[in-house]
Protein backbone atom coordinates (compact mmCIF):
# COMPACT_ATOMS: atom_id res chain seq x y z
CA UNK A 1 -29.22 52.97 -26.43
CA UNK A 2 -32.41 51.48 -25.73
CA UNK A 3 -32.48 52.68 -22.18
CA UNK A 4 -31.92 56.23 -23.35
CA UNK A 5 -34.94 55.94 -25.72
CA UNK A 6 -37.20 54.61 -23.10
CA UNK A 7 -36.10 57.34 -20.70
CA UNK A 8 -36.70 60.00 -23.37
CA UNK A 9 -40.21 58.65 -24.03
CA UNK A 10 -41.07 58.68 -20.35
CA UNK A 11 -39.72 62.19 -19.95
CA UNK A 12 -41.85 63.42 -22.93
CA UNK A 13 -44.87 61.70 -21.56
CA UNK A 14 -44.41 63.37 -18.16
CA UNK A 15 -43.91 66.74 -19.82
CA UNK A 16 -47.21 66.34 -21.80
CA UNK A 17 -48.94 65.40 -18.64
CA UNK A 18 -47.57 68.39 -16.86
CA UNK A 19 -48.75 70.72 -19.69
CA UNK A 20 -52.18 69.23 -19.55
CA UNK A 21 -52.37 69.75 -15.82
CA UNK A 22 -51.28 73.37 -16.20
CA UNK A 23 -53.88 73.92 -18.89
CA UNK A 24 -56.60 72.29 -16.85
CA UNK A 25 -55.82 74.45 -13.86
CA UNK A 26 -55.89 77.57 -15.98
CA UNK A 27 -59.17 76.55 -17.55
CA UNK A 28 -60.66 75.83 -14.18
CA UNK A 29 -59.45 79.18 -12.95
CA UNK A 30 -60.92 80.91 -15.93
CA UNK A 31 -64.21 79.11 -15.47
CA UNK A 32 -64.32 80.16 -11.84
CA UNK A 33 -63.63 83.70 -12.68
CA UNK A 34 -66.24 83.64 -15.36
CA UNK A 35 -68.76 82.20 -12.99
CA UNK A 36 -68.02 84.76 -10.42
CA UNK A 37 -68.33 87.59 -12.98
CA UNK A 38 -71.57 86.10 -14.28
CA UNK A 39 -73.00 85.56 -10.81
CA UNK A 40 -72.38 89.17 -9.97
CA UNK A 41 -73.97 90.50 -13.14
CA UNK A 42 -77.70 91.63 -12.86
CA UNK A 43 -78.64 90.11 -16.23
CA UNK A 44 -77.44 86.70 -15.13
CA UNK A 45 -79.38 87.12 -11.88
CA UNK A 46 -82.53 88.02 -13.80
CA UNK A 47 -81.92 85.09 -16.15
CA UNK A 48 -81.53 82.72 -13.21
CA UNK A 49 -84.68 84.10 -11.65
CA UNK A 50 -86.55 83.67 -14.88
CA UNK A 51 -85.22 80.15 -15.30
CA UNK A 52 -86.23 79.35 -11.72
CA UNK A 53 -89.70 80.79 -12.35
CA UNK A 54 -89.91 78.87 -15.58
CA UNK A 55 -88.93 75.64 -13.79
CA UNK A 56 -91.52 76.32 -11.08
CA UNK A 57 -94.11 76.97 -13.70
CA UNK A 58 -93.25 73.81 -15.53
CA UNK A 59 -93.41 71.86 -12.34
CA UNK A 60 -96.82 73.36 -11.50
CA UNK A 61 -97.97 72.79 -15.05
CA UNK A 62 -96.75 69.21 -14.96
CA UNK A 63 -98.52 68.72 -11.60
CA UNK A 64 -101.69 70.30 -13.00
CA UNK A 65 -101.49 68.08 -16.13
CA UNK A 66 -100.75 65.11 -13.96
CA UNK A 67 -103.73 65.91 -11.74
CA UNK A 68 -105.92 66.50 -14.77
CA UNK A 69 -104.79 63.25 -16.37
CA UNK A 70 -105.35 61.50 -13.06
CA UNK A 71 -108.86 62.89 -12.86
CA UNK A 72 -109.45 61.80 -16.42
CA UNK A 73 -108.14 58.35 -15.58
CA UNK A 74 -110.37 58.29 -12.42
CA UNK A 75 -113.33 59.24 -14.63
CA UNK A 76 -112.41 56.62 -17.20
CA UNK A 77 -111.90 54.11 -14.41
CA UNK A 78 -115.25 55.09 -12.88
CA UNK A 79 -116.95 54.69 -16.26
CA UNK A 80 -115.15 51.40 -16.81
CA UNK A 81 -116.28 50.27 -13.37
CA UNK A 82 -119.84 51.34 -14.12
CA UNK A 83 -119.75 49.60 -17.43
CA UNK A 84 -118.31 46.53 -15.80
CA UNK A 85 -121.05 46.67 -13.16
CA UNK A 86 -123.68 47.03 -15.84
CA UNK A 87 -122.07 44.16 -17.80
CA UNK A 88 -122.07 42.07 -14.64
CA UNK A 89 -125.68 42.94 -13.97
CA UNK A 90 -126.54 42.03 -17.56
CA UNK A 91 -124.67 38.80 -17.19
CA UNK A 92 -126.39 38.09 -13.95
CA UNK A 93 -129.73 38.91 -15.58
CA UNK A 94 -128.95 36.69 -18.49
CA UNK A 95 -127.90 33.89 -16.18
CA UNK A 96 -131.01 34.46 -14.12
CA UNK A 97 -133.24 34.48 -17.18
CA UNK A 98 -131.41 31.41 -18.49
CA UNK A 99 -131.84 29.62 -15.22
CA UNK A 100 -135.47 30.71 -15.10
CA UNK A 101 -136.01 29.59 -18.69
CA UNK A 102 -134.25 26.26 -17.95
CA UNK A 103 -136.42 25.85 -14.90
CA UNK A 104 -139.55 26.66 -16.96
CA UNK A 105 -138.39 24.19 -19.67
CA UNK A 106 -137.69 21.61 -17.02
CA UNK A 107 -141.08 22.21 -15.36
CA UNK A 108 -142.82 22.14 -18.72
CA UNK A 109 -140.91 18.98 -19.66
CA UNK A 110 -141.91 17.43 -16.42
CA UNK A 111 -145.52 18.47 -16.95
CA UNK A 112 -145.37 17.07 -20.46
CA UNK A 113 -143.84 13.85 -19.21
CA UNK A 114 -146.49 13.69 -16.47
CA UNK A 115 -149.16 14.39 -19.09
CA UNK A 116 -147.71 11.74 -21.40
CA UNK A 117 -147.51 9.33 -18.51
CA UNK A 118 -151.12 10.13 -17.59
CA UNK A 119 -152.22 9.71 -21.21
CA UNK A 120 -150.36 6.49 -21.43
CA UNK A 121 -151.86 5.32 -18.19
CA UNK A 122 -155.27 6.52 -19.43
CA UNK A 123 -154.65 4.84 -22.76
CA UNK A 124 -153.58 1.63 -21.06
CA UNK A 125 -156.69 1.79 -18.84
CA UNK A 126 -158.93 2.49 -21.84
CA UNK A 127 -157.21 -0.31 -23.72
CA UNK A 128 -157.82 -2.63 -20.81
CA UNK A 129 -161.42 -1.39 -20.56
CA UNK A 130 -161.82 -1.85 -24.32
CA UNK A 131 -160.35 -5.32 -24.15
CA UNK A 132 -162.63 -6.18 -21.23
CA UNK A 133 -165.61 -4.72 -23.07
CA UNK A 134 -164.57 -6.49 -26.29
CA UNK A 135 -164.17 -9.72 -24.34
CA UNK A 136 -167.51 -9.21 -22.71
CA UNK A 137 -169.03 -8.36 -26.09
CA UNK A 138 -167.51 -11.41 -27.66
CA UNK A 139 -168.81 -13.53 -24.78
CA UNK A 140 -172.26 -12.05 -25.35
CA UNK A 141 -171.98 -12.83 -29.07
CA UNK A 142 -170.79 -16.36 -28.31
CA UNK A 143 -173.67 -16.84 -25.85
CA UNK A 144 -176.08 -15.42 -28.45
CA UNK A 145 -174.77 -17.62 -31.23
CA UNK A 146 -174.92 -20.64 -28.96
CA UNK A 147 -178.47 -19.77 -27.93
CA UNK A 148 -177.58 -19.01 -24.31
CA UNK A 149 -178.38 -15.34 -24.24
CA UNK A 150 -180.19 -12.48 -26.00
CA UNK A 151 -178.86 -10.53 -28.88
CA UNK A 152 -176.40 -7.73 -27.77
CA UNK A 153 -177.86 -4.25 -27.95
CA UNK A 154 -174.68 -2.73 -29.35
CA UNK A 155 -174.99 -4.61 -32.66
CA UNK A 156 -178.59 -3.61 -33.28
CA UNK A 157 -177.73 -0.06 -34.27
CA UNK A 158 -177.51 0.54 -37.98
CA UNK A 159 -175.65 3.15 -40.01
CA UNK A 160 -176.84 5.85 -42.42
CA UNK A 161 -174.85 7.66 -45.05
CA UNK A 162 -177.17 10.68 -45.24
CA UNK A 163 -179.77 10.56 -42.49
CA UNK A 164 -181.33 13.86 -43.54
CA UNK A 165 -182.14 12.55 -47.09
CA UNK A 166 -184.80 10.14 -48.19
CA UNK A 167 -184.01 6.50 -48.69
CA UNK A 168 -182.40 5.33 -51.91
CA UNK A 169 -185.03 3.20 -53.65
CA UNK A 170 -182.55 0.80 -55.28
CA UNK A 171 -180.42 0.37 -52.13
CA UNK A 172 -183.54 -0.29 -50.06
CA UNK A 173 -184.51 -3.08 -52.45
CA UNK A 174 -181.26 -4.75 -53.52
CA UNK A 175 -178.83 -3.42 -50.82
CA UNK A 176 -176.54 -2.04 -53.54
CA UNK A 177 -176.36 1.19 -55.51
CA UNK A 178 -174.34 2.12 -58.59
CA UNK A 179 -173.25 5.39 -56.89
CA UNK A 180 -172.25 3.49 -53.67
CA UNK A 181 -171.75 5.83 -50.74
CA UNK A 182 -171.57 8.85 -53.07
CA UNK A 183 -175.28 8.62 -53.71
CA UNK A 184 -177.37 11.72 -52.94
CA UNK A 185 -179.94 9.50 -51.15
CA UNK A 186 -179.60 7.81 -47.75
CA UNK A 187 -178.24 4.24 -47.58
CA UNK A 188 -179.40 2.61 -44.36
CA UNK A 189 -177.40 -0.44 -43.32
CA UNK A 190 -178.61 -2.62 -40.42
CA UNK A 191 -176.39 -3.55 -37.51
CA UNK A 192 -177.43 -7.19 -37.80
CA UNK A 193 -179.75 -8.98 -40.11
CA UNK A 194 -180.62 -12.50 -41.23
CA UNK A 195 -179.30 -11.75 -44.74
CA UNK A 196 -175.66 -11.60 -45.70
CA UNK A 197 -174.29 -9.86 -48.77
CA UNK A 198 -170.80 -10.75 -50.12
CA UNK A 199 -170.08 -8.19 -52.89
CA UNK A 200 -168.34 -9.39 -56.11
CA UNK A 201 -167.86 -12.84 -54.59
CA UNK A 202 -168.53 -14.86 -57.79
CA UNK A 203 -166.10 -14.31 -60.59
CA UNK A 204 -166.74 -15.68 -64.11
CA UNK A 205 -165.69 -14.91 -67.63
CA UNK A 206 -169.18 -14.07 -68.84
CA UNK A 207 -169.63 -11.32 -66.27
CA UNK A 208 -166.76 -9.31 -67.79
CA UNK A 209 -168.40 -9.04 -71.22
CA UNK A 210 -170.08 -5.75 -70.52
CA UNK A 211 -168.55 -3.82 -73.42
CA UNK A 212 -168.53 -6.50 -76.10
CA UNK A 213 -171.08 -4.65 -78.31
CA UNK A 214 -169.44 -1.34 -77.78
CA UNK A 215 -166.18 -2.51 -79.37
CA UNK A 216 -167.86 -4.80 -81.90
CA UNK A 217 -166.06 -7.92 -80.78
CA UNK A 218 -167.24 -11.53 -80.65
CA UNK A 219 -165.98 -12.30 -77.22
CA UNK A 220 -169.45 -13.59 -76.27
CA UNK A 221 -168.88 -16.59 -78.49
CA UNK A 222 -166.20 -17.82 -76.07
CA UNK A 223 -168.75 -18.59 -73.37
CA UNK A 224 -172.27 -19.91 -73.98
CA UNK A 225 -175.14 -20.42 -71.50
CA UNK A 226 -174.34 -24.05 -70.83
CA UNK A 227 -170.69 -23.33 -69.98
CA UNK A 228 -171.75 -20.39 -67.81
CA UNK A 229 -174.08 -22.64 -65.78
CA UNK A 230 -171.48 -25.40 -65.45
CA UNK A 231 -169.15 -22.83 -63.90
CA UNK A 232 -171.91 -21.61 -61.65
CA UNK A 233 -172.74 -25.18 -60.57
CA UNK A 234 -169.13 -25.77 -59.59
CA UNK A 235 -169.11 -22.53 -57.59
CA UNK A 236 -172.47 -23.39 -56.00
CA UNK A 237 -171.34 -26.87 -54.99
CA UNK A 238 -168.18 -25.39 -53.57
CA UNK A 239 -169.75 -22.73 -51.29
CA UNK A 240 -173.00 -24.45 -50.28
CA UNK A 241 -171.54 -26.94 -47.74
CA UNK A 242 -169.51 -24.15 -46.05
CA UNK A 243 -172.51 -21.82 -45.86
CA UNK A 244 -174.85 -24.60 -44.59
CA UNK A 245 -172.43 -25.37 -41.77
CA UNK A 246 -173.38 -22.11 -40.08
CA UNK A 247 -177.10 -22.67 -40.05
CA UNK A 248 -180.22 -23.31 -42.07
CA UNK A 249 -180.36 -21.37 -45.39
CA UNK A 250 -183.58 -19.90 -46.74
CA UNK A 251 -182.26 -17.98 -49.77
CA UNK A 252 -178.99 -18.31 -51.73
CA UNK A 253 -178.85 -16.06 -54.76
CA UNK A 254 -175.88 -15.29 -57.05
CA UNK A 255 -176.15 -12.25 -59.29
CA UNK A 256 -175.17 -12.42 -62.94
CA UNK A 257 -175.56 -8.68 -63.49
CA UNK A 258 -172.70 -6.99 -65.27
CA UNK A 259 -173.09 -3.63 -63.48
CA UNK A 260 -170.02 -3.13 -61.11
CA UNK A 261 -172.18 -2.76 -57.98
CA UNK A 262 -174.06 -5.97 -58.62
CA UNK A 263 -171.64 -8.15 -60.59
CA UNK A 264 -171.07 -11.41 -58.77
CA UNK A 265 -172.88 -10.46 -55.56
CA UNK A 266 -173.93 -13.36 -53.39
CA UNK A 267 -176.94 -13.08 -51.08
CA UNK A 268 -177.42 -15.57 -48.26
CA UNK A 269 -180.57 -15.41 -46.12
CA UNK A 270 -180.52 -17.61 -43.03
CA UNK A 271 -183.42 -18.74 -40.91
CA UNK A 272 -182.37 -16.51 -38.00
CA UNK A 273 -180.00 -13.65 -37.23
CA UNK A 274 -178.03 -16.03 -35.02
CA UNK A 275 -176.96 -18.16 -38.03
CA UNK A 276 -176.24 -15.04 -40.05
CA UNK A 277 -174.01 -13.69 -37.28
CA UNK A 278 -172.21 -16.98 -37.04
CA UNK A 279 -171.58 -16.96 -40.80
CA UNK A 280 -170.48 -13.32 -40.76
CA UNK A 281 -167.98 -13.90 -38.00
CA UNK A 282 -166.53 -16.96 -39.72
CA UNK A 283 -166.38 -15.60 -43.27
CA UNK A 284 -164.94 -12.09 -42.76
CA UNK A 285 -161.20 -12.03 -43.21
CA UNK A 286 -161.00 -15.45 -44.87
CA UNK A 287 -159.82 -16.01 -48.38
CA UNK A 288 -161.59 -17.68 -51.28
CA UNK A 289 -159.84 -18.11 -54.66
CA UNK A 290 -156.98 -15.86 -53.57
CA UNK A 291 -159.32 -12.95 -52.67
CA UNK A 292 -160.32 -11.80 -49.25
CA UNK A 293 -164.00 -12.05 -48.31
CA UNK A 294 -165.77 -8.93 -47.14
CA UNK A 295 -169.27 -9.64 -45.97
CA UNK A 296 -171.92 -7.25 -44.70
CA UNK A 297 -175.42 -7.42 -43.34
CA UNK A 298 -178.24 -6.20 -45.47
CA UNK A 299 -182.03 -5.96 -45.54
CA UNK A 300 -183.97 -7.38 -48.51
CA UNK A 301 -187.65 -6.57 -47.61
CA UNK A 302 -189.02 -8.60 -50.53
CA UNK A 303 -187.11 -10.81 -52.96
CA UNK A 304 -189.93 -10.30 -55.50
CA UNK A 305 -189.21 -6.58 -55.37
CA UNK A 306 -185.46 -7.10 -55.68
CA UNK A 307 -185.41 -9.78 -58.44
CA UNK A 308 -186.05 -8.78 -62.03
CA UNK A 309 -188.71 -11.36 -63.08
CA UNK A 310 -188.59 -10.27 -66.70
CA UNK A 311 -184.96 -11.51 -66.91
CA UNK A 312 -185.97 -15.17 -66.51
CA UNK A 313 -188.30 -14.69 -69.47
CA UNK A 314 -185.68 -12.86 -71.52
CA UNK A 315 -187.77 -9.75 -71.67
CA UNK A 316 -185.79 -7.29 -69.56
CA UNK A 317 -185.38 -4.12 -71.71
CA UNK A 318 -182.48 -2.83 -69.60
CA UNK A 319 -180.40 -5.92 -70.24
CA UNK A 320 -176.97 -5.67 -68.76
CA UNK A 321 -177.73 -2.20 -67.30
CA UNK A 322 -180.60 -3.29 -65.17
CA UNK A 323 -180.33 -2.35 -61.52
CA UNK A 324 -182.53 -5.20 -60.34
CA UNK A 325 -181.17 -8.64 -59.58
CA UNK A 326 -180.53 -10.93 -62.50
CA UNK A 327 -179.92 -14.28 -60.83
CA UNK A 328 -178.51 -17.66 -61.74
CA UNK A 329 -181.05 -20.41 -61.39
CA UNK A 330 -179.97 -22.80 -58.56
CA UNK A 331 -180.03 -26.54 -59.19
CA UNK A 332 -183.62 -27.69 -58.80
CA UNK A 333 -184.53 -24.13 -57.67
CA UNK A 334 -183.19 -25.02 -54.22
CA UNK A 335 -182.80 -22.16 -51.71
CA UNK A 336 -184.38 -19.84 -54.26
CA UNK A 337 -187.91 -18.52 -54.47
CA UNK A 338 -189.56 -18.31 -57.82
CA UNK A 339 -190.53 -14.84 -59.22
CA UNK A 340 -194.24 -14.64 -58.53
CA UNK A 341 -194.88 -10.95 -59.17
CA UNK A 342 -197.95 -9.84 -61.08
CA UNK A 343 -196.62 -7.70 -63.88
CA UNK A 344 -199.62 -5.43 -64.23
CA UNK A 345 -199.90 -1.65 -64.54
CA UNK A 346 -199.68 -1.23 -60.77
CA UNK A 347 -196.25 -2.84 -60.46
CA UNK A 348 -193.57 -0.29 -59.73
CA UNK A 349 -190.78 -2.37 -61.25
CA UNK A 350 -192.72 -2.95 -64.43
CA UNK A 351 -193.66 0.74 -64.59
CA UNK A 352 -189.97 1.71 -64.16
CA UNK A 353 -188.99 -0.68 -66.95
CA UNK A 354 -191.78 0.56 -69.21
CA UNK A 355 -190.93 4.24 -68.65
CA UNK A 356 -187.22 3.54 -69.05
CA UNK A 357 -187.79 1.59 -72.23
CA UNK A 358 -189.98 4.40 -73.58
CA UNK A 359 -187.28 6.92 -72.68
CA UNK A 360 -184.63 4.81 -74.41
CA UNK A 361 -186.84 4.45 -77.45
CA UNK A 362 -187.42 8.23 -77.57
CA UNK A 363 -183.67 8.91 -77.46
CA UNK A 364 -182.74 6.54 -80.24
CA UNK A 365 -185.23 7.38 -82.89
CA UNK A 366 -183.41 7.46 -86.17
CA UNK A 367 -185.92 6.94 -88.92
CA UNK A 368 -189.57 6.06 -89.66
CA UNK A 369 -188.65 2.45 -90.38
CA UNK A 370 -186.99 2.11 -86.97
CA UNK A 371 -190.07 3.64 -85.36
CA UNK A 372 -192.33 1.08 -87.02
CA UNK A 373 -190.03 -1.73 -86.04
CA UNK A 374 -190.06 -0.55 -82.41
CA UNK A 375 -193.84 -0.29 -82.47
CA UNK A 376 -194.03 -3.81 -83.74
CA UNK A 377 -191.55 -5.04 -81.11
CA UNK A 378 -193.52 -3.27 -78.39
CA UNK A 379 -196.80 -4.79 -79.57
CA UNK A 380 -195.16 -8.20 -79.57
CA UNK A 381 -193.77 -7.60 -76.15
CA UNK A 382 -197.22 -6.56 -74.85
CA UNK A 383 -198.66 -9.72 -76.35
CA UNK A 384 -195.95 -11.77 -74.66
CA UNK A 385 -196.79 -10.11 -71.39
CA UNK A 386 -200.49 -10.81 -71.88
CA UNK A 387 -199.78 -14.38 -72.75
CA UNK A 388 -197.55 -14.80 -69.74
CA UNK A 389 -200.23 -13.28 -67.47
CA UNK A 390 -202.67 -15.78 -68.90
CA UNK A 391 -200.32 -18.58 -68.26
CA UNK A 392 -199.89 -17.38 -64.71
CA UNK A 393 -203.62 -17.53 -64.28
CA UNK A 394 -203.49 -21.14 -65.41
CA UNK A 395 -200.56 -21.72 -62.92
CA UNK A 396 -198.25 -22.47 -65.87
CA UNK A 397 -194.77 -20.84 -65.71
CA UNK A 398 -192.50 -20.57 -68.64
CA UNK A 399 -188.87 -20.90 -67.59
CA UNK A 400 -185.79 -20.46 -69.67
CA UNK A 401 -184.00 -23.53 -70.89
CA UNK A 402 -181.27 -24.18 -68.37
CA UNK A 403 -178.85 -27.00 -68.97
CA UNK A 404 -179.27 -29.82 -66.53
CA UNK A 405 -176.71 -30.10 -63.78
CA UNK A 406 -173.95 -32.48 -64.71
CA UNK A 407 -172.70 -35.17 -62.31
CA UNK A 408 -171.00 -33.68 -59.28
CA UNK A 409 -167.27 -33.97 -59.44
CA UNK A 410 -165.05 -34.20 -56.42
CA UNK A 411 -165.47 -30.95 -54.38
CA UNK A 412 -162.22 -28.97 -54.39
CA UNK A 413 -162.64 -26.35 -51.67
CA UNK A 414 -160.85 -23.03 -52.02
CA UNK A 415 -161.54 -21.88 -48.50
CA UNK A 416 -158.79 -20.68 -46.30
CA UNK A 417 -158.54 -18.73 -43.07
CA UNK A 418 -156.74 -15.45 -42.40
CA UNK A 419 -153.70 -17.40 -41.21
CA UNK A 420 -152.92 -18.70 -44.70
């Protein structure tokens, strides 16, 4: 049974296959016949020709387009090559400029380094020369101070604040001016002198009482004349041995003016410039009482012109505002010349004081009673001046009452060098 089914299936399969083959042959035959009929027809021949022409045209057109595109590509490639060449040239130029700039910077740096090196060498040479000159100068100063050589020429030259202006009258007399270097006149300072000035060297409580009347206070009661002189004697005994160790002293004056440019100034006049130079070299840079000493050379042409003689007689009308020297009286008037000026009408200091007193009186006229009192005071003052002139003729000098010097206590020196 099964074999019969399988045989039947195989037979049907072969039959279908045979039918397909017959149909395929028929189809092929029909296609061949159709092709032959179509190939023999003129329309088909014209269509084939047109298709062939169309294909040829497309091929030519494709070739033309390809050639055109190739030319465009060549042009683009040429432009790209040109741009690349330009870019390379620019890069080469930039590299060349950069290398040139670097070379210039390097050369400039080398020149700068050479210049710095030359300047350093020059500075070192100048420093060596300056050290040698300074050493030679110090040797000349040492030889001069030891009396083995002349005074160096380099220290003789003075300085002027305003050379084209006339001399300041107060600075030329007392070596100090209330306007200091801002003065409109010329301040001439010597390079070396036999007189030393130590500004604001002496400090005392009484010198700071400049404005006691302005504020109406009784601070002046805290320090009387006796206490002031006791303090001065202590200061005098402290500095005198140190100053005498440099050479013979002719004048030693301490100002008790309360003006800032004169307050506490100490003037030391030695017998020679050699002693003054020795003192200047030893004192500058040292410390006294916790303050550094700054000394300077000065010229005092005449102590009688610089010192206010009316102060010792308590007749100075300027009082604390006087620009002439108000001095402490040294013990036994040692190292201090007495004021021996003739206070007549020809005295410039007395004329200045008289004119200034008249100007002050003219400014402060308040009432008739005050004017009468001032006239009485001026008449009394003139009488006192006349009496003092008569006493001078008789060689009798009236000094102020100064408390006698107390017994000297143990000297406590406050000197120290710059190393302290």
